[in-house]
Protein backbone atom coordinates (compact mmCIF):
# COMPACT_ATOMS: atom_id res chain seq x y z
CA UNK A 1 0.00 0.00 0.00
CA UNK A 2 0.93 3.62 0.41
CA UNK A 3 3.30 3.05 3.33
CA UNK A 4 5.10 0.35 1.35
CA UNK A 5 5.90 2.92 -1.33
CA UNK A 6 7.06 5.38 1.35
CA UNK A 7 9.39 2.81 2.95
CA UNK A 8 10.73 1.84 -0.47
CA UNK A 9 11.40 5.51 -1.26
CA UNK A 10 13.30 5.92 2.02
CA UNK A 11 15.40 2.80 1.45
CA UNK A 12 16.26 3.78 -2.11
CA UNK A 13 17.15 7.31 -1.01
CA UNK A 14 19.57 5.76 1.51
CA UNK A 15 21.13 3.47 -1.12
CA UNK A 16 21.61 -0.28 -1.12
CA UNK A 17 18.80 -2.61 -0.13
CA UNK A 18 18.80 -4.53 -3.41
CA UNK A 19 17.35 -7.72 -1.91
CA UNK A 20 13.96 -6.44 -0.79
CA UNK A 21 10.65 -8.27 -0.77
CA UNK A 22 7.22 -7.30 0.50
CA UNK A 23 4.93 -9.58 2.48
CA UNK A 24 1.24 -8.71 2.55
CA UNK A 25 -1.76 -10.75 3.73
CA UNK A 26 -3.92 -9.27 0.96
CA UNK A 27 -4.00 -12.23 -1.42
CA UNK A 28 -5.00 -10.05 -4.37
CA UNK A 29 -1.52 -8.49 -4.19
CA UNK A 30 0.46 -11.76 -4.20
CA UNK A 31 2.62 -11.97 -7.30
CA UNK A 32 2.36 -8.20 -7.86
CA UNK A 33 5.15 -5.73 -7.19
CA UNK A 34 5.68 -2.23 -5.88
CA UNK A 35 8.09 -0.36 -8.13
CA UNK A 36 9.81 -3.60 -9.08
CA UNK A 37 9.92 -5.13 -5.58
CA UNK A 38 7.88 -8.37 -5.46
CA UNK A 39 5.05 -9.07 -3.05
CA UNK A 40 5.83 -12.72 -2.40
CA UNK A 41 2.81 -13.68 -0.30
CA UNK A 42 1.37 -13.36 3.17
CA UNK A 43 2.54 -14.14 6.68
CA UNK A 44 3.06 -17.80 5.76
CA UNK A 45 6.09 -16.64 3.74
CA UNK A 46 7.87 -15.08 6.71
CA UNK A 47 9.55 -18.31 7.72
CA UNK A 48 10.80 -18.85 4.16
CA UNK A 49 12.64 -15.51 4.01
CA UNK A 50 13.92 -15.11 7.56
CA UNK A 51 17.41 -16.16 8.55
CA UNK A 52 20.21 -14.75 10.66
CA UNK A 53 20.73 -11.89 8.20
CA UNK A 54 17.09 -10.95 7.57
CA UNK A 55 16.06 -7.54 8.81
CA UNK A 56 12.51 -6.22 8.73
CA UNK A 57 10.64 -2.95 8.70
CA UNK A 58 6.87 -2.68 8.97
CA UNK A 59 5.30 -0.75 6.11
CA UNK A 60 1.93 -0.19 7.74
CA UNK A 61 0.94 3.23 8.96
CA UNK A 62 -2.80 3.42 9.54
CA UNK A 63 -3.25 1.79 12.95
CA UNK A 64 -0.56 1.67 15.64
CA UNK A 65 -2.11 -1.38 17.34
CA UNK A 66 -2.02 -3.35 14.07
CA UNK A 67 1.60 -2.29 13.49
CA UNK A 68 2.52 -3.69 16.92
CA UNK A 69 0.66 -6.94 16.24
CA UNK A 70 2.71 -7.31 13.05
CA UNK A 71 5.87 -6.53 15.06
CA UNK A 72 5.01 -9.35 17.48
CA UNK A 73 4.47 -11.77 14.59
CA UNK A 74 7.82 -10.82 13.04
CA UNK A 75 9.60 -11.04 16.39
CA UNK A 76 8.21 -14.56 16.83
CA UNK A 77 9.66 -15.37 13.38
CA UNK A 78 13.11 -14.20 14.59
CA UNK A 79 13.20 -11.02 12.51
CA UNK A 80 15.57 -8.27 13.51
CA UNK A 81 14.22 -4.80 12.87
CA UNK A 82 16.01 -1.86 11.29
CA UNK A 83 15.12 1.83 11.17
CA UNK A 84 14.08 3.53 7.94
CA UNK A 85 15.08 7.20 8.17
CA UNK A 86 14.77 9.46 5.15
CA UNK A 87 18.05 11.32 4.54
CA UNK A 88 16.22 14.66 4.26
CA UNK A 89 15.24 14.49 7.94
CA UNK A 90 17.36 16.16 10.62
CA UNK A 91 18.00 14.21 13.79
CA UNK A 92 19.98 15.57 16.73
CA UNK A 93 23.00 13.51 17.73
CA UNK A 94 21.46 13.08 21.21
CA UNK A 95 18.24 11.43 20.01
CA UNK A 96 17.74 7.85 21.24
CA UNK A 97 16.11 5.47 18.75
CA UNK A 98 14.58 2.07 19.37
CA UNK A 99 14.14 -0.44 16.57
CA UNK A 100 11.71 -0.68 13.67
CA UNK A 101 11.28 3.10 13.49
CA UNK A 102 10.19 4.95 10.36
CA UNK A 103 11.02 8.64 9.94
CA UNK A 104 9.71 10.08 6.69
CA UNK A 105 11.19 13.00 4.80
CA UNK A 106 11.81 16.52 6.07
CA UNK A 107 11.13 15.81 9.73
CA UNK A 108 13.13 17.18 12.67
CA UNK A 109 13.90 15.44 15.97
CA UNK A 110 15.43 17.67 18.63
CA UNK A 111 18.02 17.01 21.37
CA UNK A 112 17.20 14.57 24.13
CA UNK A 113 14.25 13.06 22.29
CA UNK A 114 13.57 9.33 22.64
CA UNK A 115 11.65 7.15 20.20
CA UNK A 116 10.83 3.66 21.47
CA UNK A 117 10.28 0.68 19.14
CA UNK A 118 8.05 0.79 16.04
CA UNK A 119 7.34 4.52 16.15
CA UNK A 120 6.20 6.16 12.91
CA UNK A 121 7.12 9.81 12.34
CA UNK A 122 5.54 10.96 9.11
CA UNK A 123 6.67 13.73 6.75
CA UNK A 124 7.40 17.29 7.90
CA UNK A 125 6.99 16.54 11.62
CA UNK A 126 8.74 18.81 14.13
CA UNK A 127 9.58 17.14 17.44
CA UNK A 128 11.32 19.54 19.77
CA UNK A 129 13.72 18.72 22.61
CA UNK A 130 13.27 16.10 25.34
CA UNK A 131 10.16 14.44 23.96
CA UNK A 132 9.43 10.76 24.54
CA UNK A 133 7.40 8.69 22.08
CA UNK A 134 6.47 5.26 23.46
CA UNK A 135 6.31 2.03 21.48
CA UNK A 136 3.94 2.13 18.52
CA UNK A 137 3.24 5.87 18.59
CA UNK A 138 2.33 7.53 15.29
CA UNK A 139 2.84 11.21 14.47
CA UNK A 140 1.30 12.21 11.13
CA UNK A 141 2.31 14.93 8.63
CA UNK A 142 3.03 18.48 9.76
CA UNK A 143 2.45 17.81 13.46
CA UNK A 144 4.53 19.76 15.97
CA UNK A 145 5.48 18.55 19.43
CA UNK A 146 6.91 21.23 21.71
CA UNK A 147 9.56 20.46 24.33
CA UNK A 148 9.03 17.75 26.93
CA UNK A 149 5.97 16.14 25.31
CA UNK A 150 5.24 12.51 26.30
CA UNK A 151 3.38 10.39 23.73
CA UNK A 152 1.98 7.11 25.05
CA UNK A 153 2.04 3.58 23.64
CA UNK A 154 -0.02 3.27 20.43
CA UNK A 155 -0.99 6.96 20.59
CA UNK A 156 -1.94 8.61 17.30
CA UNK A 157 -1.28 12.31 16.67
CA UNK A 158 -3.17 13.59 13.62
CA UNK A 159 -2.06 15.87 10.78
CA UNK A 160 -1.20 19.48 11.63
CA UNK A 161 -1.63 18.91 15.39
CA UNK A 162 0.30 21.13 17.76
CA UNK A 163 1.08 19.63 21.17
CA UNK A 164 2.16 22.21 23.74
CA UNK A 165 5.10 21.89 26.12
CA UNK A 166 5.22 19.18 28.77
CA UNK A 167 1.86 17.60 27.87
CA UNK A 168 1.21 13.85 27.89
CA UNK A 169 -0.83 12.25 25.12
C-alpha atoms as a PDB file:
ATOM      1  CA  UNK A   1       0.000   0.000   0.000  1.00  0.00           C
ATOM      2  CA  UNK A   2       0.927   3.625   0.414  1.00  0.00           C
ATOM      3  CA  UNK A   3       3.295   3.052   3.329  1.00  0.00           C
ATOM      4  CA  UNK A   4       5.098   0.351   1.348  1.00  0.00           C
ATOM      5  CA  UNK A   5       5.904   2.919  -1.329  1.00  0.00           C
ATOM      6  CA  UNK A   6       7.056   5.378   1.350  1.00  0.00           C
ATOM      7  CA  UNK A   7       9.388   2.807   2.945  1.00  0.00           C
ATOM      8  CA  UNK A   8      10.731   1.842  -0.470  1.00  0.00           C
ATOM      9  CA  UNK A   9      11.403   5.509  -1.260  1.00  0.00           C
ATOM     10  CA  UNK A  10      13.304   5.918   2.022  1.00  0.00           C
ATOM     11  CA  UNK A  11      15.405   2.803   1.450  1.00  0.00           C
ATOM     12  CA  UNK A  12      16.257   3.776  -2.111  1.00  0.00           C
ATOM     13  CA  UNK A  13      17.150   7.315  -1.009  1.00  0.00           C
ATOM     14  CA  UNK A  14      19.565   5.759   1.507  1.00  0.00           C
ATOM     15  CA  UNK A  15      21.132   3.471  -1.121  1.00  0.00           C
ATOM     16  CA  UNK A  16      21.606  -0.280  -1.122  1.00  0.00           C
ATOM     17  CA  UNK A  17      18.803  -2.613  -0.126  1.00  0.00           C
ATOM     18  CA  UNK A  18      18.801  -4.530  -3.407  1.00  0.00           C
ATOM     19  CA  UNK A  19      17.345  -7.723  -1.915  1.00  0.00           C
ATOM     20  CA  UNK A  20      13.957  -6.440  -0.785  1.00  0.00           C
ATOM     21  CA  UNK A  21      10.645  -8.274  -0.771  1.00  0.00           C
ATOM     22  CA  UNK A  22       7.220  -7.298   0.505  1.00  0.00           C
ATOM     23  CA  UNK A  23       4.933  -9.582   2.481  1.00  0.00           C
ATOM     24  CA  UNK A  24       1.241  -8.714   2.552  1.00  0.00           C
ATOM     25  CA  UNK A  25      -1.760 -10.749   3.731  1.00  0.00           C
ATOM     26  CA  UNK A  26      -3.923  -9.270   0.956  1.00  0.00           C
ATOM     27  CA  UNK A  27      -4.004 -12.235  -1.421  1.00  0.00           C
ATOM     28  CA  UNK A  28      -5.002 -10.045  -4.375  1.00  0.00           C
ATOM     29  CA  UNK A  29      -1.516  -8.488  -4.186  1.00  0.00           C
ATOM     30  CA  UNK A  30       0.463 -11.759  -4.198  1.00  0.00           C
ATOM     31  CA  UNK A  31       2.620 -11.966  -7.301  1.00  0.00           C
ATOM     32  CA  UNK A  32       2.358  -8.201  -7.863  1.00  0.00           C
ATOM     33  CA  UNK A  33       5.153  -5.734  -7.193  1.00  0.00           C
ATOM     34  CA  UNK A  34       5.681  -2.232  -5.875  1.00  0.00           C
ATOM     35  CA  UNK A  35       8.093  -0.358  -8.125  1.00  0.00           C
ATOM     36  CA  UNK A  36       9.810  -3.605  -9.076  1.00  0.00           C
ATOM     37  CA  UNK A  37       9.920  -5.133  -5.582  1.00  0.00           C
ATOM     38  CA  UNK A  38       7.882  -8.367  -5.460  1.00  0.00           C
ATOM     39  CA  UNK A  39       5.046  -9.072  -3.052  1.00  0.00           C
ATOM     40  CA  UNK A  40       5.831 -12.724  -2.399  1.00  0.00           C
ATOM     41  CA  UNK A  41       2.811 -13.685  -0.295  1.00  0.00           C
ATOM     42  CA  UNK A  42       1.375 -13.362   3.172  1.00  0.00           C
ATOM     43  CA  UNK A  43       2.537 -14.135   6.680  1.00  0.00           C
ATOM     44  CA  UNK A  44       3.059 -17.797   5.761  1.00  0.00           C
ATOM     45  CA  UNK A  45       6.090 -16.637   3.737  1.00  0.00           C
ATOM     46  CA  UNK A  46       7.866 -15.076   6.705  1.00  0.00           C
ATOM     47  CA  UNK A  47       9.547 -18.306   7.718  1.00  0.00           C
ATOM     48  CA  UNK A  48      10.800 -18.846   4.158  1.00  0.00           C
ATOM     49  CA  UNK A  49      12.637 -15.510   4.007  1.00  0.00           C
ATOM     50  CA  UNK A  50      13.924 -15.114   7.564  1.00  0.00           C
ATOM     51  CA  UNK A  51      17.411 -16.164   8.553  1.00  0.00           C
ATOM     52  CA  UNK A  52      20.214 -14.750  10.664  1.00  0.00           C
ATOM     53  CA  UNK A  53      20.732 -11.892   8.199  1.00  0.00           C
ATOM     54  CA  UNK A  54      17.085 -10.951   7.573  1.00  0.00           C
ATOM     55  CA  UNK A  55      16.059  -7.541   8.806  1.00  0.00           C
ATOM     56  CA  UNK A  56      12.508  -6.222   8.731  1.00  0.00           C
ATOM     57  CA  UNK A  57      10.635  -2.952   8.699  1.00  0.00           C
ATOM     58  CA  UNK A  58       6.867  -2.676   8.974  1.00  0.00           C
ATOM     59  CA  UNK A  59       5.302  -0.747   6.107  1.00  0.00           C
ATOM     60  CA  UNK A  60       1.927  -0.188   7.737  1.00  0.00           C
ATOM     61  CA  UNK A  61       0.941   3.227   8.964  1.00  0.00           C
ATOM     62  CA  UNK A  62      -2.798   3.416   9.542  1.00  0.00           C
ATOM     63  CA  UNK A  63      -3.246   1.790  12.953  1.00  0.00           C
ATOM     64  CA  UNK A  64      -0.563   1.674  15.644  1.00  0.00           C
ATOM     65  CA  UNK A  65      -2.106  -1.383  17.336  1.00  0.00           C
ATOM     66  CA  UNK A  66      -2.016  -3.354  14.072  1.00  0.00           C
ATOM     67  CA  UNK A  67       1.595  -2.294  13.491  1.00  0.00           C
ATOM     68  CA  UNK A  68       2.522  -3.689  16.920  1.00  0.00           C
ATOM     69  CA  UNK A  69       0.656  -6.940  16.236  1.00  0.00           C
ATOM     70  CA  UNK A  70       2.715  -7.310  13.053  1.00  0.00           C
ATOM     71  CA  UNK A  71       5.869  -6.534  15.057  1.00  0.00           C
ATOM     72  CA  UNK A  72       5.010  -9.349  17.482  1.00  0.00           C
ATOM     73  CA  UNK A  73       4.474 -11.765  14.587  1.00  0.00           C
ATOM     74  CA  UNK A  74       7.824 -10.821  13.041  1.00  0.00           C
ATOM     75  CA  UNK A  75       9.603 -11.038  16.393  1.00  0.00           C
ATOM     76  CA  UNK A  76       8.213 -14.557  16.834  1.00  0.00           C
ATOM     77  CA  UNK A  77       9.657 -15.370  13.380  1.00  0.00           C
ATOM     78  CA  UNK A  78      13.106 -14.199  14.592  1.00  0.00           C
ATOM     79  CA  UNK A  79      13.204 -11.022  12.507  1.00  0.00           C
ATOM     80  CA  UNK A  80      15.566  -8.267  13.511  1.00  0.00           C
ATOM     81  CA  UNK A  81      14.219  -4.796  12.867  1.00  0.00           C
ATOM     82  CA  UNK A  82      16.010  -1.860  11.286  1.00  0.00           C
ATOM     83  CA  UNK A  83      15.117   1.825  11.168  1.00  0.00           C
ATOM     84  CA  UNK A  84      14.079   3.528   7.943  1.00  0.00           C
ATOM     85  CA  UNK A  85      15.080   7.204   8.167  1.00  0.00           C
ATOM     86  CA  UNK A  86      14.771   9.464   5.150  1.00  0.00           C
ATOM     87  CA  UNK A  87      18.051  11.318   4.540  1.00  0.00           C
ATOM     88  CA  UNK A  88      16.218  14.660   4.263  1.00  0.00           C
ATOM     89  CA  UNK A  89      15.242  14.486   7.937  1.00  0.00           C
ATOM     90  CA  UNK A  90      17.357  16.162  10.618  1.00  0.00           C
ATOM     91  CA  UNK A  91      18.000  14.211  13.794  1.00  0.00           C
ATOM     92  CA  UNK A  92      19.980  15.569  16.725  1.00  0.00           C
ATOM     93  CA  UNK A  93      22.999  13.507  17.725  1.00  0.00           C
ATOM     94  CA  UNK A  94      21.462  13.083  21.213  1.00  0.00           C
ATOM     95  CA  UNK A  95      18.240  11.426  20.012  1.00  0.00           C
ATOM     96  CA  UNK A  96      17.740   7.847  21.238  1.00  0.00           C
ATOM     97  CA  UNK A  97      16.114   5.469  18.753  1.00  0.00           C
ATOM     98  CA  UNK A  98      14.578   2.067  19.375  1.00  0.00           C
ATOM     99  CA  UNK A  99      14.136  -0.441  16.569  1.00  0.00           C
ATOM    100  CA  UNK A 100      11.708  -0.678  13.674  1.00  0.00           C
ATOM    101  CA  UNK A 101      11.283   3.101  13.493  1.00  0.00           C
ATOM    102  CA  UNK A 102      10.191   4.947  10.364  1.00  0.00           C
ATOM    103  CA  UNK A 103      11.015   8.641   9.941  1.00  0.00           C
ATOM    104  CA  UNK A 104       9.712  10.084   6.693  1.00  0.00           C
ATOM    105  CA  UNK A 105      11.187  13.001   4.796  1.00  0.00           C
ATOM    106  CA  UNK A 106      11.812  16.517   6.068  1.00  0.00           C
ATOM    107  CA  UNK A 107      11.131  15.811   9.731  1.00  0.00           C
ATOM    108  CA  UNK A 108      13.130  17.177  12.670  1.00  0.00           C
ATOM    109  CA  UNK A 109      13.903  15.436  15.972  1.00  0.00           C
ATOM    110  CA  UNK A 110      15.435  17.668  18.634  1.00  0.00           C
ATOM    111  CA  UNK A 111      18.023  17.013  21.366  1.00  0.00           C
ATOM    112  CA  UNK A 112      17.202  14.568  24.129  1.00  0.00           C
ATOM    113  CA  UNK A 113      14.246  13.060  22.291  1.00  0.00           C
ATOM    114  CA  UNK A 114      13.571   9.326  22.645  1.00  0.00           C
ATOM    115  CA  UNK A 115      11.645   7.148  20.203  1.00  0.00           C
ATOM    116  CA  UNK A 116      10.833   3.656  21.468  1.00  0.00           C
ATOM    117  CA  UNK A 117      10.278   0.677  19.143  1.00  0.00           C
ATOM    118  CA  UNK A 118       8.049   0.791  16.045  1.00  0.00           C
ATOM    119  CA  UNK A 119       7.337   4.525  16.153  1.00  0.00           C
ATOM    120  CA  UNK A 120       6.198   6.157  12.911  1.00  0.00           C
ATOM    121  CA  UNK A 121       7.121   9.805  12.344  1.00  0.00           C
ATOM    122  CA  UNK A 122       5.536  10.965   9.111  1.00  0.00           C
ATOM    123  CA  UNK A 123       6.669  13.731   6.754  1.00  0.00           C
ATOM    124  CA  UNK A 124       7.398  17.286   7.904  1.00  0.00           C
ATOM    125  CA  UNK A 125       6.987  16.544  11.621  1.00  0.00           C
ATOM    126  CA  UNK A 126       8.740  18.808  14.133  1.00  0.00           C
ATOM    127  CA  UNK A 127       9.576  17.143  17.442  1.00  0.00           C
ATOM    128  CA  UNK A 128      11.317  19.543  19.775  1.00  0.00           C
ATOM    129  CA  UNK A 129      13.725  18.717  22.609  1.00  0.00           C
ATOM    130  CA  UNK A 130      13.274  16.100  25.345  1.00  0.00           C
ATOM    131  CA  UNK A 131      10.159  14.438  23.956  1.00  0.00           C
ATOM    132  CA  UNK A 132       9.430  10.756  24.536  1.00  0.00           C
ATOM    133  CA  UNK A 133       7.399   8.686  22.083  1.00  0.00           C
ATOM    134  CA  UNK A 134       6.471   5.262  23.464  1.00  0.00           C
ATOM    135  CA  UNK A 135       6.306   2.031  21.484  1.00  0.00           C
ATOM    136  CA  UNK A 136       3.943   2.126  18.517  1.00  0.00           C
ATOM    137  CA  UNK A 137       3.242   5.865  18.591  1.00  0.00           C
ATOM    138  CA  UNK A 138       2.331   7.531  15.293  1.00  0.00           C
ATOM    139  CA  UNK A 139       2.840  11.213  14.466  1.00  0.00           C
ATOM    140  CA  UNK A 140       1.298  12.209  11.130  1.00  0.00           C
ATOM    141  CA  UNK A 141       2.314  14.933   8.629  1.00  0.00           C
ATOM    142  CA  UNK A 142       3.034  18.476   9.760  1.00  0.00           C
ATOM    143  CA  UNK A 143       2.445  17.806  13.459  1.00  0.00           C
ATOM    144  CA  UNK A 144       4.526  19.759  15.972  1.00  0.00           C
ATOM    145  CA  UNK A 145       5.476  18.549  19.433  1.00  0.00           C
ATOM    146  CA  UNK A 146       6.913  21.234  21.707  1.00  0.00           C
ATOM    147  CA  UNK A 147       9.560  20.458  24.331  1.00  0.00           C
ATOM    148  CA  UNK A 148       9.025  17.753  26.934  1.00  0.00           C
ATOM    149  CA  UNK A 149       5.972  16.138  25.313  1.00  0.00           C
ATOM    150  CA  UNK A 150       5.240  12.514  26.300  1.00  0.00           C
ATOM    151  CA  UNK A 151       3.376  10.391  23.732  1.00  0.00           C
ATOM    152  CA  UNK A 152       1.982   7.106  25.048  1.00  0.00           C
ATOM    153  CA  UNK A 153       2.042   3.584  23.644  1.00  0.00           C
ATOM    154  CA  UNK A 154      -0.017   3.271  20.430  1.00  0.00           C
ATOM    155  CA  UNK A 155      -0.990   6.959  20.587  1.00  0.00           C
ATOM    156  CA  UNK A 156      -1.937   8.615  17.302  1.00  0.00           C
ATOM    157  CA  UNK A 157      -1.283  12.311  16.666  1.00  0.00           C
ATOM    158  CA  UNK A 158      -3.167  13.593  13.624  1.00  0.00           C
ATOM    159  CA  UNK A 159      -2.061  15.867  10.782  1.00  0.00           C
ATOM    160  CA  UNK A 160      -1.196  19.481  11.630  1.00  0.00           C
ATOM    161  CA  UNK A 161      -1.631  18.911  15.390  1.00  0.00           C
ATOM    162  CA  UNK A 162       0.305  21.133  17.764  1.00  0.00           C
ATOM    163  CA  UNK A 163       1.083  19.633  21.171  1.00  0.00           C
ATOM    164  CA  UNK A 164       2.158  22.212  23.737  1.00  0.00           C
ATOM    165  CA  UNK A 165       5.098  21.894  26.120  1.00  0.00           C
ATOM    166  CA  UNK A 166       5.224  19.184  28.772  1.00  0.00           C
ATOM    167  CA  UNK A 167       1.857  17.597  27.866  1.00  0.00           C
ATOM    168  CA  UNK A 168       1.206  13.847  27.892  1.00  0.00           C
ATOM    169  CA  UNK A 169      -0.830  12.253  25.124  1.00  0.00           C
END
